N, C-alpha and C. Protein backbone atom coordinates (compact mmCIF):
# COMPACT_ATOMS: atom_id res chain seq x y z
N MET A 1 115.31 108.34 90.41
CA MET A 1 114.07 107.65 90.06
C MET A 1 112.88 108.32 90.73
N ARG A 2 111.71 108.17 90.12
CA ARG A 2 110.50 108.73 90.69
C ARG A 2 110.11 107.98 91.95
N VAL A 3 109.33 108.67 92.77
CA VAL A 3 108.93 108.08 94.05
C VAL A 3 108.12 106.82 93.83
N ASN A 4 107.18 106.86 92.87
CA ASN A 4 106.34 105.68 92.65
C ASN A 4 107.15 104.52 92.10
N ARG A 5 108.20 104.81 91.32
CA ARG A 5 109.07 103.74 90.83
C ARG A 5 109.83 103.09 91.97
N ILE A 6 110.34 103.91 92.87
CA ILE A 6 111.11 103.38 94.00
C ILE A 6 110.22 102.52 94.89
N LEU A 7 109.02 103.00 95.18
CA LEU A 7 108.12 102.24 96.05
C LEU A 7 107.71 100.92 95.40
N LEU A 8 107.34 100.97 94.12
CA LEU A 8 106.91 99.74 93.44
C LEU A 8 108.07 98.77 93.31
N SER A 9 109.24 99.25 92.90
CA SER A 9 110.39 98.38 92.73
C SER A 9 110.79 97.74 94.05
N SER A 10 110.79 98.52 95.13
CA SER A 10 111.16 97.97 96.43
C SER A 10 110.19 96.88 96.87
N ALA A 11 108.90 97.13 96.68
CA ALA A 11 107.90 96.14 97.09
C ALA A 11 108.04 94.86 96.28
N LEU A 12 108.21 94.99 94.96
CA LEU A 12 108.31 93.80 94.11
C LEU A 12 109.59 93.02 94.39
N VAL A 13 110.68 93.72 94.63
CA VAL A 13 111.95 93.05 94.92
C VAL A 13 111.88 92.29 96.24
N VAL A 14 111.28 92.91 97.25
CA VAL A 14 111.16 92.25 98.55
C VAL A 14 110.29 91.00 98.45
N VAL A 15 109.16 91.12 97.75
CA VAL A 15 108.28 89.96 97.57
C VAL A 15 108.99 88.85 96.80
N ALA A 16 109.71 89.23 95.74
CA ALA A 16 110.44 88.24 94.95
C ALA A 16 111.51 87.54 95.80
N LEU A 17 112.21 88.30 96.63
CA LEU A 17 113.25 87.71 97.47
C LEU A 17 112.66 86.74 98.49
N VAL A 18 111.55 87.13 99.10
CA VAL A 18 110.91 86.25 100.08
C VAL A 18 110.46 84.95 99.43
N ILE A 19 109.84 85.04 98.26
CA ILE A 19 109.37 83.84 97.57
C ILE A 19 110.55 82.96 97.14
N GLN A 20 111.61 83.60 96.66
CA GLN A 20 112.75 82.82 96.20
C GLN A 20 113.45 82.09 97.35
N VAL A 21 113.60 82.78 98.47
CA VAL A 21 114.31 82.18 99.61
C VAL A 21 113.45 81.15 100.33
N SER A 22 112.18 81.46 100.51
CA SER A 22 111.33 80.59 101.32
C SER A 22 110.64 79.48 100.54
N VAL A 23 110.50 79.64 99.21
CA VAL A 23 109.78 78.65 98.42
C VAL A 23 110.68 78.01 97.37
N LEU A 24 111.17 78.80 96.44
CA LEU A 24 111.91 78.24 95.31
C LEU A 24 113.21 77.56 95.74
N ALA A 25 113.89 78.15 96.70
CA ALA A 25 115.16 77.57 97.14
C ALA A 25 114.96 76.25 97.88
N ARG A 26 113.76 76.00 98.37
CA ARG A 26 113.49 74.78 99.13
C ARG A 26 112.88 73.67 98.28
N LEU A 27 112.76 73.91 97.00
CA LEU A 27 112.24 72.87 96.12
C LEU A 27 113.27 71.79 95.82
N HIS A 28 114.54 72.12 96.04
CA HIS A 28 115.65 71.18 95.82
C HIS A 28 115.62 70.62 94.39
N LEU A 29 115.46 71.54 93.44
CA LEU A 29 115.50 71.15 92.04
C LEU A 29 116.93 70.88 91.62
N PRO A 30 117.15 70.01 90.66
CA PRO A 30 118.52 69.74 90.20
C PRO A 30 119.12 70.96 89.52
N GLY A 31 120.38 71.21 89.80
CA GLY A 31 121.07 72.31 89.15
C GLY A 31 120.80 73.64 89.84
N ALA A 32 120.43 74.63 89.03
CA ALA A 32 120.24 75.99 89.54
C ALA A 32 118.89 76.13 90.23
N VAL A 33 118.70 77.30 90.83
CA VAL A 33 117.44 77.65 91.47
C VAL A 33 116.72 78.65 90.57
N PRO A 34 115.43 78.52 90.35
CA PRO A 34 114.70 79.53 89.55
C PRO A 34 114.93 80.92 90.12
N ASP A 35 115.38 81.82 89.26
CA ASP A 35 115.81 83.15 89.71
C ASP A 35 114.67 84.15 89.55
N LEU A 36 113.83 84.24 90.56
CA LEU A 36 112.72 85.18 90.52
C LEU A 36 113.20 86.63 90.62
N MET A 37 114.29 86.85 91.31
CA MET A 37 114.86 88.20 91.40
C MET A 37 115.30 88.69 90.03
N LEU A 38 115.92 87.82 89.26
CA LEU A 38 116.36 88.19 87.92
C LEU A 38 115.16 88.56 87.04
N LEU A 39 114.11 87.78 87.09
CA LEU A 39 112.93 88.05 86.27
C LEU A 39 112.25 89.36 86.69
N THR A 40 112.26 89.65 87.97
CA THR A 40 111.69 90.91 88.44
C THR A 40 112.47 92.10 87.92
N VAL A 41 113.78 92.01 87.98
CA VAL A 41 114.63 93.08 87.46
C VAL A 41 114.43 93.25 85.96
N LEU A 42 114.30 92.15 85.23
CA LEU A 42 114.09 92.23 83.78
C LEU A 42 112.76 92.92 83.46
N GLY A 43 111.71 92.53 84.17
CA GLY A 43 110.41 93.15 83.91
C GLY A 43 110.43 94.65 84.16
N LEU A 44 111.09 95.09 85.23
CA LEU A 44 111.16 96.51 85.52
C LEU A 44 112.08 97.24 84.55
N ALA A 45 113.18 96.61 84.15
CA ALA A 45 114.12 97.24 83.22
C ALA A 45 113.49 97.45 81.85
N LEU A 46 112.62 96.55 81.42
CA LEU A 46 111.96 96.69 80.12
C LEU A 46 110.95 97.83 80.10
N VAL A 47 110.60 98.36 81.26
CA VAL A 47 109.70 99.51 81.33
C VAL A 47 110.46 100.78 81.71
N TYR A 48 111.41 100.68 82.64
CA TYR A 48 112.10 101.85 83.15
C TYR A 48 113.33 102.24 82.33
N GLY A 49 113.84 101.36 81.48
CA GLY A 49 115.02 101.69 80.71
C GLY A 49 116.31 101.26 81.37
N HIS A 50 117.43 101.61 80.74
CA HIS A 50 118.73 101.10 81.21
C HIS A 50 119.16 101.71 82.54
N VAL A 51 118.87 102.99 82.75
CA VAL A 51 119.28 103.62 84.02
C VAL A 51 118.46 103.05 85.17
N GLY A 52 117.15 103.03 85.00
CA GLY A 52 116.30 102.46 86.04
C GLY A 52 116.57 100.98 86.25
N GLY A 53 116.83 100.25 85.15
CA GLY A 53 117.15 98.83 85.28
C GLY A 53 118.42 98.58 86.05
N ALA A 54 119.43 99.43 85.81
CA ALA A 54 120.70 99.27 86.54
C ALA A 54 120.52 99.56 88.02
N LEU A 55 119.76 100.60 88.35
CA LEU A 55 119.54 100.94 89.76
C LEU A 55 118.73 99.86 90.48
N VAL A 56 117.67 99.40 89.81
CA VAL A 56 116.86 98.34 90.42
C VAL A 56 117.69 97.06 90.57
N GLY A 57 118.47 96.74 89.55
CA GLY A 57 119.29 95.54 89.62
C GLY A 57 120.32 95.59 90.73
N PHE A 58 120.94 96.75 90.90
CA PHE A 58 121.94 96.87 91.96
C PHE A 58 121.28 96.72 93.33
N GLY A 59 120.15 97.41 93.54
CA GLY A 59 119.47 97.30 94.82
C GLY A 59 118.98 95.90 95.11
N ALA A 60 118.40 95.24 94.09
CA ALA A 60 117.91 93.87 94.28
C ALA A 60 119.06 92.91 94.56
N GLY A 61 120.14 93.07 93.82
CA GLY A 61 121.28 92.18 94.03
C GLY A 61 121.93 92.38 95.39
N LEU A 62 122.03 93.62 95.83
CA LEU A 62 122.62 93.88 97.14
C LEU A 62 121.75 93.31 98.25
N LEU A 63 120.44 93.43 98.08
CA LEU A 63 119.53 92.85 99.08
C LEU A 63 119.67 91.34 99.12
N ALA A 64 119.81 90.70 97.95
CA ALA A 64 120.02 89.25 97.91
C ALA A 64 121.36 88.86 98.50
N ASP A 65 122.37 89.72 98.34
CA ASP A 65 123.69 89.42 98.90
C ASP A 65 123.67 89.44 100.43
N LEU A 66 122.85 90.32 100.99
CA LEU A 66 122.83 90.48 102.44
C LEU A 66 121.80 89.60 103.14
N ALA A 67 120.81 89.12 102.39
CA ALA A 67 119.75 88.32 102.99
C ALA A 67 120.24 86.90 103.25
N PRO A 68 119.92 86.35 104.41
CA PRO A 68 120.28 84.94 104.67
C PRO A 68 119.44 84.03 103.80
N PRO A 69 119.95 82.89 103.41
CA PRO A 69 121.23 82.27 103.81
C PRO A 69 122.35 82.49 102.80
N ALA A 70 122.58 83.74 102.38
CA ALA A 70 123.63 84.04 101.40
C ALA A 70 124.99 83.61 101.95
N ASP A 71 125.76 82.91 101.11
CA ASP A 71 127.07 82.41 101.53
C ASP A 71 128.18 82.90 100.62
N HIS A 72 127.95 84.03 99.94
CA HIS A 72 128.96 84.56 99.03
C HIS A 72 129.30 85.99 99.45
N ALA A 73 130.31 86.55 98.79
CA ALA A 73 130.75 87.90 99.13
C ALA A 73 129.67 88.92 98.79
N ALA A 74 129.49 89.89 99.69
CA ALA A 74 128.49 90.94 99.45
C ALA A 74 128.90 91.79 98.26
N GLY A 75 127.94 92.08 97.43
CA GLY A 75 128.21 92.87 96.23
C GLY A 75 128.36 92.04 94.97
N ARG A 76 128.50 90.75 95.12
CA ARG A 76 128.72 89.89 93.95
C ARG A 76 127.47 89.83 93.08
N TYR A 77 126.34 89.53 93.68
CA TYR A 77 125.10 89.44 92.91
C TYR A 77 124.60 90.83 92.53
N ALA A 78 124.95 91.84 93.34
CA ALA A 78 124.57 93.22 93.01
C ALA A 78 125.22 93.66 91.71
N LEU A 79 126.48 93.31 91.52
CA LEU A 79 127.17 93.63 90.27
C LEU A 79 126.53 92.93 89.09
N VAL A 80 126.20 91.66 89.27
CA VAL A 80 125.61 90.88 88.19
C VAL A 80 124.26 91.46 87.77
N LEU A 81 123.37 91.70 88.73
CA LEU A 81 122.05 92.20 88.39
C LEU A 81 122.09 93.64 87.92
N CYS A 82 123.06 94.42 88.37
CA CYS A 82 123.21 95.78 87.88
C CYS A 82 123.52 95.78 86.38
N LEU A 83 124.44 94.93 85.96
CA LEU A 83 124.79 94.83 84.55
C LEU A 83 123.64 94.26 83.73
N ILE A 84 122.97 93.24 84.27
CA ILE A 84 121.84 92.64 83.56
C ILE A 84 120.72 93.65 83.40
N GLY A 85 120.41 94.40 84.45
CA GLY A 85 119.36 95.41 84.37
C GLY A 85 119.70 96.51 83.38
N TYR A 86 120.96 96.89 83.32
CA TYR A 86 121.38 97.94 82.38
C TYR A 86 121.20 97.48 80.94
N PHE A 87 121.72 96.31 80.62
CA PHE A 87 121.65 95.84 79.23
C PHE A 87 120.22 95.47 78.84
N ALA A 88 119.43 94.96 79.78
CA ALA A 88 118.03 94.66 79.48
C ALA A 88 117.25 95.95 79.21
N GLY A 89 117.58 97.01 79.93
CA GLY A 89 116.90 98.28 79.71
C GLY A 89 117.21 98.91 78.37
N LEU A 90 118.32 98.52 77.74
CA LEU A 90 118.67 99.06 76.44
C LEU A 90 117.71 98.61 75.34
N VAL A 91 117.03 97.50 75.54
CA VAL A 91 116.10 96.98 74.54
C VAL A 91 114.66 97.37 74.88
N LYS A 92 114.49 98.32 75.77
CA LYS A 92 113.15 98.80 76.10
C LYS A 92 112.48 99.36 74.86
N PRO A 93 111.27 98.94 74.55
CA PRO A 93 110.57 99.48 73.38
C PRO A 93 110.24 100.95 73.57
N GLU A 94 110.30 101.71 72.48
CA GLU A 94 110.06 103.14 72.56
C GLU A 94 108.64 103.46 73.01
N THR A 95 107.68 102.66 72.59
CA THR A 95 106.30 102.89 72.98
C THR A 95 105.99 102.39 74.37
N GLY A 96 106.92 101.60 74.96
CA GLY A 96 106.69 101.03 76.28
C GLY A 96 105.88 99.75 76.26
N ARG A 97 105.41 99.34 75.09
CA ARG A 97 104.61 98.13 74.97
C ARG A 97 105.24 97.18 73.96
N LEU A 98 105.15 95.91 74.23
CA LEU A 98 105.74 94.89 73.38
C LEU A 98 104.68 94.30 72.45
N LYS A 99 105.07 94.10 71.19
CA LYS A 99 104.13 93.56 70.21
C LYS A 99 103.99 92.06 70.31
N SER A 100 105.00 91.36 70.81
CA SER A 100 104.94 89.91 70.93
C SER A 100 105.77 89.48 72.12
N ALA A 101 105.66 88.19 72.44
CA ALA A 101 106.40 87.64 73.58
C ALA A 101 107.80 87.17 73.19
N THR A 102 108.13 87.25 71.91
CA THR A 102 109.44 86.76 71.46
C THR A 102 110.57 87.59 72.05
N GLY A 103 110.42 88.92 72.01
CA GLY A 103 111.47 89.79 72.53
C GLY A 103 111.78 89.55 74.00
N PRO A 104 110.77 89.57 74.88
CA PRO A 104 111.06 89.32 76.29
C PRO A 104 111.65 87.94 76.55
N MET A 105 111.22 86.92 75.81
CA MET A 105 111.76 85.59 76.03
C MET A 105 113.23 85.52 75.61
N VAL A 106 113.57 86.23 74.53
CA VAL A 106 114.99 86.30 74.13
C VAL A 106 115.80 87.02 75.19
N VAL A 107 115.23 88.09 75.76
CA VAL A 107 115.92 88.82 76.83
C VAL A 107 116.11 87.92 78.05
N VAL A 108 115.09 87.15 78.40
CA VAL A 108 115.21 86.23 79.54
C VAL A 108 116.28 85.18 79.26
N LEU A 109 116.30 84.65 78.05
CA LEU A 109 117.31 83.65 77.68
C LEU A 109 118.72 84.22 77.81
N ALA A 110 118.93 85.40 77.23
CA ALA A 110 120.25 86.02 77.31
C ALA A 110 120.62 86.38 78.74
N ALA A 111 119.64 86.85 79.51
CA ALA A 111 119.91 87.23 80.90
C ALA A 111 120.24 86.02 81.76
N ALA A 112 119.54 84.90 81.54
CA ALA A 112 119.82 83.69 82.32
C ALA A 112 121.24 83.20 82.05
N ILE A 113 121.63 83.21 80.78
CA ILE A 113 122.99 82.78 80.44
C ILE A 113 124.02 83.77 80.97
N GLY A 114 123.75 85.06 80.72
CA GLY A 114 124.71 86.08 81.14
C GLY A 114 124.88 86.15 82.64
N SER A 115 123.79 86.07 83.39
CA SER A 115 123.89 86.15 84.85
C SER A 115 124.64 84.95 85.43
N THR A 116 124.40 83.77 84.86
CA THR A 116 125.10 82.58 85.35
C THR A 116 126.59 82.67 85.07
N LEU A 117 126.95 83.11 83.87
CA LEU A 117 128.36 83.23 83.53
C LEU A 117 129.04 84.34 84.33
N LEU A 118 128.34 85.46 84.49
CA LEU A 118 128.92 86.55 85.27
C LEU A 118 129.10 86.16 86.73
N TYR A 119 128.11 85.50 87.28
CA TYR A 119 128.19 85.09 88.68
C TYR A 119 129.34 84.10 88.88
N ALA A 120 129.47 83.16 87.96
CA ALA A 120 130.57 82.19 88.06
C ALA A 120 131.92 82.87 87.84
N GLY A 121 131.95 83.83 86.90
CA GLY A 121 133.21 84.53 86.65
C GLY A 121 133.66 85.38 87.82
N VAL A 122 132.73 86.12 88.41
CA VAL A 122 133.08 86.92 89.58
C VAL A 122 133.48 86.02 90.74
N GLY A 123 132.80 84.88 90.87
CA GLY A 123 133.17 83.93 91.92
C GLY A 123 134.57 83.38 91.73
N ALA A 124 134.95 83.14 90.48
CA ALA A 124 136.30 82.65 90.22
C ALA A 124 137.35 83.70 90.59
N LEU A 125 137.00 84.98 90.40
CA LEU A 125 137.95 86.04 90.73
C LEU A 125 138.15 86.17 92.24
N VAL A 126 137.12 85.86 93.02
CA VAL A 126 137.23 85.99 94.48
C VAL A 126 137.52 84.65 95.15
N GLY A 127 137.77 83.61 94.34
CA GLY A 127 138.16 82.33 94.90
C GLY A 127 137.03 81.37 95.19
N ASP A 128 135.82 81.65 94.70
CA ASP A 128 134.69 80.76 94.90
C ASP A 128 134.61 79.80 93.71
N THR A 129 134.85 78.53 93.97
CA THR A 129 134.88 77.52 92.89
C THR A 129 133.68 76.58 92.96
N ALA A 130 132.57 77.04 93.56
CA ALA A 130 131.41 76.17 93.70
C ALA A 130 130.83 75.79 92.34
N ALA A 131 130.89 76.72 91.38
CA ALA A 131 130.34 76.44 90.06
C ALA A 131 131.09 75.30 89.37
N ARG A 132 132.38 75.19 89.63
CA ARG A 132 133.16 74.12 89.00
C ARG A 132 132.73 72.76 89.55
N HIS A 133 132.45 72.70 90.84
CA HIS A 133 132.07 71.42 91.43
C HIS A 133 130.69 70.98 90.96
N VAL A 134 129.76 71.94 90.83
CA VAL A 134 128.42 71.60 90.36
C VAL A 134 128.42 71.29 88.88
N GLY A 135 129.22 72.03 88.13
CA GLY A 135 129.26 71.89 86.68
C GLY A 135 128.61 73.08 86.02
N LEU A 136 129.42 73.87 85.30
CA LEU A 136 128.91 75.08 84.69
C LEU A 136 127.86 74.77 83.62
N GLY A 137 128.07 73.70 82.86
CA GLY A 137 127.10 73.33 81.83
C GLY A 137 125.75 73.00 82.41
N SER A 138 125.73 72.25 83.50
CA SER A 138 124.48 71.90 84.15
C SER A 138 123.79 73.13 84.72
N LEU A 139 124.57 74.05 85.29
CA LEU A 139 123.99 75.29 85.82
C LEU A 139 123.37 76.12 84.71
N LEU A 140 124.05 76.24 83.59
CA LEU A 140 123.53 77.02 82.48
C LEU A 140 122.22 76.43 81.96
N PHE A 141 122.20 75.13 81.76
CA PHE A 141 121.01 74.48 81.19
C PHE A 141 119.81 74.62 82.13
N THR A 142 120.01 74.32 83.39
CA THR A 142 118.89 74.38 84.33
C THR A 142 118.45 75.83 84.60
N ALA A 143 119.40 76.77 84.64
CA ALA A 143 119.03 78.17 84.86
C ALA A 143 118.17 78.68 83.70
N VAL A 144 118.57 78.39 82.48
CA VAL A 144 117.79 78.81 81.32
C VAL A 144 116.43 78.14 81.31
N LEU A 145 116.39 76.84 81.61
CA LEU A 145 115.13 76.10 81.59
C LEU A 145 114.15 76.65 82.63
N TYR A 146 114.61 76.81 83.85
CA TYR A 146 113.73 77.27 84.92
C TYR A 146 113.25 78.70 84.67
N ASP A 147 114.16 79.57 84.25
CA ASP A 147 113.78 80.96 84.04
C ASP A 147 112.82 81.12 82.86
N LEU A 148 113.02 80.34 81.80
CA LEU A 148 112.10 80.41 80.66
C LEU A 148 110.72 79.89 81.03
N LEU A 149 110.66 78.86 81.87
CA LEU A 149 109.37 78.33 82.29
C LEU A 149 108.64 79.29 83.23
N LEU A 150 109.39 80.01 84.03
CA LEU A 150 108.78 80.91 85.01
C LEU A 150 108.48 82.29 84.42
N ALA A 151 109.20 82.68 83.38
CA ALA A 151 109.09 84.04 82.83
C ALA A 151 107.69 84.42 82.39
N PRO A 152 106.93 83.57 81.67
CA PRO A 152 105.58 83.98 81.23
C PRO A 152 104.63 84.30 82.37
N PHE A 153 104.90 83.80 83.56
CA PHE A 153 104.03 84.05 84.70
C PHE A 153 104.49 85.25 85.54
N VAL A 154 105.67 85.78 85.24
CA VAL A 154 106.24 86.84 86.08
C VAL A 154 106.46 88.14 85.29
N VAL A 155 107.19 88.06 84.20
CA VAL A 155 107.60 89.27 83.48
C VAL A 155 106.42 90.10 82.97
N PRO A 156 105.40 89.50 82.32
CA PRO A 156 104.28 90.34 81.87
C PRO A 156 103.55 91.04 83.02
N GLY A 157 103.38 90.37 84.14
CA GLY A 157 102.72 90.99 85.28
C GLY A 157 103.54 92.13 85.86
N ILE A 158 104.86 91.94 85.96
CA ILE A 158 105.74 93.00 86.46
C ILE A 158 105.68 94.21 85.55
N MET A 159 105.71 93.99 84.23
CA MET A 159 105.67 95.09 83.28
C MET A 159 104.33 95.82 83.35
N ALA A 160 103.24 95.08 83.51
CA ALA A 160 101.92 95.71 83.60
C ALA A 160 101.83 96.60 84.84
N LEU A 161 102.33 96.12 85.97
CA LEU A 161 102.31 96.92 87.19
C LEU A 161 103.18 98.17 87.05
N ALA A 162 104.34 98.01 86.41
CA ALA A 162 105.23 99.16 86.23
C ALA A 162 104.62 100.20 85.31
N ARG A 163 103.97 99.76 84.23
CA ARG A 163 103.33 100.71 83.33
C ARG A 163 102.15 101.41 84.01
N ARG A 164 101.41 100.69 84.82
CA ARG A 164 100.30 101.32 85.53
C ARG A 164 100.81 102.34 86.53
N ALA A 165 101.92 102.04 87.18
CA ALA A 165 102.49 102.98 88.15
C ALA A 165 103.00 104.24 87.46
N GLU A 166 103.37 104.14 86.18
CA GLU A 166 103.83 105.31 85.46
C GLU A 166 102.72 106.33 85.29
N ASN A 167 101.47 105.90 85.30
CA ASN A 167 100.32 106.79 85.18
C ASN A 167 99.76 107.19 86.53
N ASP A 168 100.47 106.87 87.61
CA ASP A 168 100.00 107.17 88.96
C ASP A 168 100.07 108.67 89.22
N PRO A 169 99.12 109.24 89.98
CA PRO A 169 99.17 110.67 90.29
C PRO A 169 100.43 111.09 91.03
N LEU A 170 101.13 110.14 91.67
CA LEU A 170 102.35 110.48 92.39
C LEU A 170 103.55 110.62 91.48
N ALA A 171 103.38 110.33 90.19
CA ALA A 171 104.49 110.48 89.25
C ALA A 171 104.86 111.95 89.16
N GLU A 172 106.10 112.20 88.66
CA GLU A 172 106.59 113.57 88.61
C GLU A 172 105.73 114.44 87.71
N THR A 173 105.37 113.91 86.54
CA THR A 173 104.57 114.70 85.63
C THR A 173 103.20 114.95 86.21
N GLY A 174 102.63 113.90 86.83
CA GLY A 174 101.33 114.07 87.46
C GLY A 174 101.39 115.06 88.61
N SER A 175 102.48 114.99 89.38
CA SER A 175 102.62 115.92 90.50
C SER A 175 102.76 117.34 90.01
N ALA A 176 103.53 117.51 88.90
CA ALA A 176 103.69 118.86 88.35
C ALA A 176 102.37 119.39 87.85
N THR A 177 101.62 118.55 87.14
CA THR A 177 100.32 118.97 86.64
C THR A 177 99.38 119.29 87.79
N LYS A 178 99.41 118.42 88.81
CA LYS A 178 98.55 118.64 89.97
C LYS A 178 98.93 119.93 90.68
N ALA A 179 100.24 120.18 90.78
CA ALA A 179 100.68 121.41 91.42
C ALA A 179 100.24 122.63 90.63
N THR A 180 100.31 122.53 89.28
CA THR A 180 99.86 123.63 88.45
C THR A 180 98.36 123.87 88.63
N ASN A 181 97.59 122.78 88.65
CA ASN A 181 96.15 122.91 88.85
C ASN A 181 95.83 123.52 90.21
N ILE A 182 96.56 123.06 91.22
CA ILE A 182 96.34 123.60 92.56
C ILE A 182 96.67 125.09 92.61
N SER A 183 97.80 125.46 91.93
CA SER A 183 98.18 126.86 91.93
C SER A 183 97.15 127.72 91.22
N SER A 184 96.71 127.26 90.03
CA SER A 184 95.70 128.02 89.31
C SER A 184 94.39 128.05 90.08
N GLY A 185 94.05 126.93 90.71
CA GLY A 185 92.84 126.90 91.53
C GLY A 185 92.95 127.82 92.73
N TRP A 186 94.16 127.87 93.30
CA TRP A 186 94.38 128.75 94.45
C TRP A 186 94.18 130.21 94.04
N LEU A 187 94.70 130.57 92.83
CA LEU A 187 94.56 131.95 92.38
C LEU A 187 93.12 132.29 92.03
N SER A 188 92.42 131.32 91.42
CA SER A 188 91.05 131.60 91.01
C SER A 188 90.04 131.26 92.08
N GLY A 189 90.50 130.72 93.20
CA GLY A 189 89.57 130.27 94.23
C GLY A 189 89.16 131.35 95.20
N GLY A 190 89.86 132.51 95.21
CA GLY A 190 89.40 133.59 96.06
C GLY A 190 90.41 134.06 97.08
N THR A 191 91.62 133.50 97.12
CA THR A 191 92.56 133.93 98.15
C THR A 191 93.34 135.16 97.75
N GLY A 192 93.52 135.39 96.48
CA GLY A 192 94.34 136.51 96.06
C GLY A 192 93.62 137.45 95.14
N LEU A 193 93.49 137.03 93.90
CA LEU A 193 92.95 137.91 92.87
C LEU A 193 91.49 138.22 93.11
N ARG A 194 90.74 137.25 93.53
CA ARG A 194 89.31 137.48 93.68
C ARG A 194 89.03 138.42 94.85
N ILE A 195 89.81 138.31 95.90
CA ILE A 195 89.64 139.24 97.02
C ILE A 195 89.91 140.65 96.57
N GLY A 196 90.99 140.81 95.78
CA GLY A 196 91.29 142.13 95.26
C GLY A 196 90.17 142.63 94.38
N GLY A 197 89.61 141.74 93.55
CA GLY A 197 88.52 142.13 92.69
C GLY A 197 87.29 142.51 93.49
N GLN A 198 87.02 141.76 94.56
CA GLN A 198 85.88 142.09 95.40
C GLN A 198 86.06 143.45 96.06
N ARG A 199 87.29 143.73 96.50
CA ARG A 199 87.54 145.02 97.14
C ARG A 199 87.35 146.14 96.13
N ASN A 200 87.90 145.96 94.91
CA ASN A 200 87.73 146.98 93.89
C ASN A 200 86.25 147.17 93.55
N GLY A 201 85.52 146.04 93.48
CA GLY A 201 84.09 146.15 93.20
C GLY A 201 83.34 146.91 94.28
N MET A 202 83.72 146.65 95.54
CA MET A 202 83.08 147.36 96.63
C MET A 202 83.39 148.85 96.57
N ARG A 203 84.63 149.18 96.19
CA ARG A 203 84.99 150.59 96.07
C ARG A 203 84.18 151.27 94.96
N VAL A 204 84.04 150.57 93.82
CA VAL A 204 83.26 151.14 92.72
C VAL A 204 81.82 151.35 93.13
N LYS A 205 81.24 150.32 93.80
CA LYS A 205 79.86 150.46 94.26
C LYS A 205 79.70 151.62 95.25
N ALA A 206 80.68 151.79 96.14
CA ALA A 206 80.61 152.90 97.10
C ALA A 206 80.68 154.24 96.39
N ALA A 207 81.57 154.31 95.36
CA ALA A 207 81.69 155.57 94.62
C ALA A 207 80.40 155.89 93.88
N ARG A 208 79.79 154.85 93.26
CA ARG A 208 78.53 155.08 92.57
C ARG A 208 77.43 155.52 93.54
N ALA A 209 77.43 154.91 94.72
CA ALA A 209 76.43 155.30 95.71
C ALA A 209 76.61 156.74 96.13
N ARG A 210 77.86 157.19 96.31
CA ARG A 210 78.12 158.58 96.68
C ARG A 210 77.69 159.53 95.58
N MET A 211 77.98 159.13 94.31
CA MET A 211 77.58 159.98 93.20
C MET A 211 76.06 160.09 93.12
N ALA A 212 75.37 158.94 93.30
CA ALA A 212 73.92 158.98 93.25
C ALA A 212 73.35 159.84 94.38
N ARG A 213 73.94 159.73 95.56
CA ARG A 213 73.47 160.51 96.70
C ARG A 213 73.69 162.00 96.45
N ALA A 214 74.87 162.32 95.87
CA ALA A 214 75.15 163.72 95.56
C ALA A 214 74.17 164.26 94.53
N GLY A 215 73.82 163.42 93.55
CA GLY A 215 72.84 163.87 92.54
C GLY A 215 71.49 164.14 93.15
N ARG A 216 71.09 163.24 94.08
CA ARG A 216 69.80 163.46 94.72
C ARG A 216 69.79 164.73 95.55
N ILE A 217 70.91 164.99 96.23
CA ILE A 217 70.97 166.18 97.07
C ILE A 217 70.91 167.45 96.20
N LYS A 218 71.65 167.42 95.07
CA LYS A 218 71.62 168.57 94.16
C LYS A 218 70.22 168.79 93.61
N GLY A 219 69.56 167.69 93.31
CA GLY A 219 68.20 167.81 92.79
C GLY A 219 67.27 168.43 93.80
N VAL A 220 67.43 168.08 95.05
CA VAL A 220 66.60 168.65 96.10
C VAL A 220 66.84 170.14 96.22
N LYS A 221 68.14 170.54 96.16
CA LYS A 221 68.47 171.94 96.30
C LYS A 221 67.91 172.75 95.14
N ARG A 222 67.96 172.15 93.94
CA ARG A 222 67.44 172.88 92.80
C ARG A 222 65.94 173.08 92.94
N LEU A 223 65.29 172.12 93.50
CA LEU A 223 63.86 172.31 93.70
C LEU A 223 63.62 173.41 94.75
């Protein structure tokens, strides 16, 4: 991934995790907790594509697995968000811009359902039966409801920031162009070619001066 993508993704993921742990998790809403981390990964995946979405999802999920007060096996949420980010990145528009809000809302709906089912499924494989006690149906309904209500305030902003960062001078293409400009400027600025040209010009001027002096001397002798 590009440097600007890594920096932006890291900052957004950390902010989302802090808000989710310190604010959303303490609201004590019935059922699931609004998943701000999921929405952040979706917004970035819709701009960066499936590879970038998978990488961002894995990093965000692993950070959530290790951050307190996580009470599940490390790597569980990383796997879920990695898969969600990958599949969300597959529907990235070719132009990078969305014509309507229907597409992202459908992606959020599918991601909320898929992440809840994947998380519960992986938990069942490792012996975590918390989803059964809470009720999988209740978790699905509340997760979809909360994420759909929160998505219009999060996903468009995340996508706008990601698209703006793509035009940042620190991007690879911008860096390459800047390096080319610097190189051409270095060559035309006087360190190499121009110094050689100045030396050649001085030599030509000296030769002309010698020729003129020789002509004057010959003229004097002829007189």
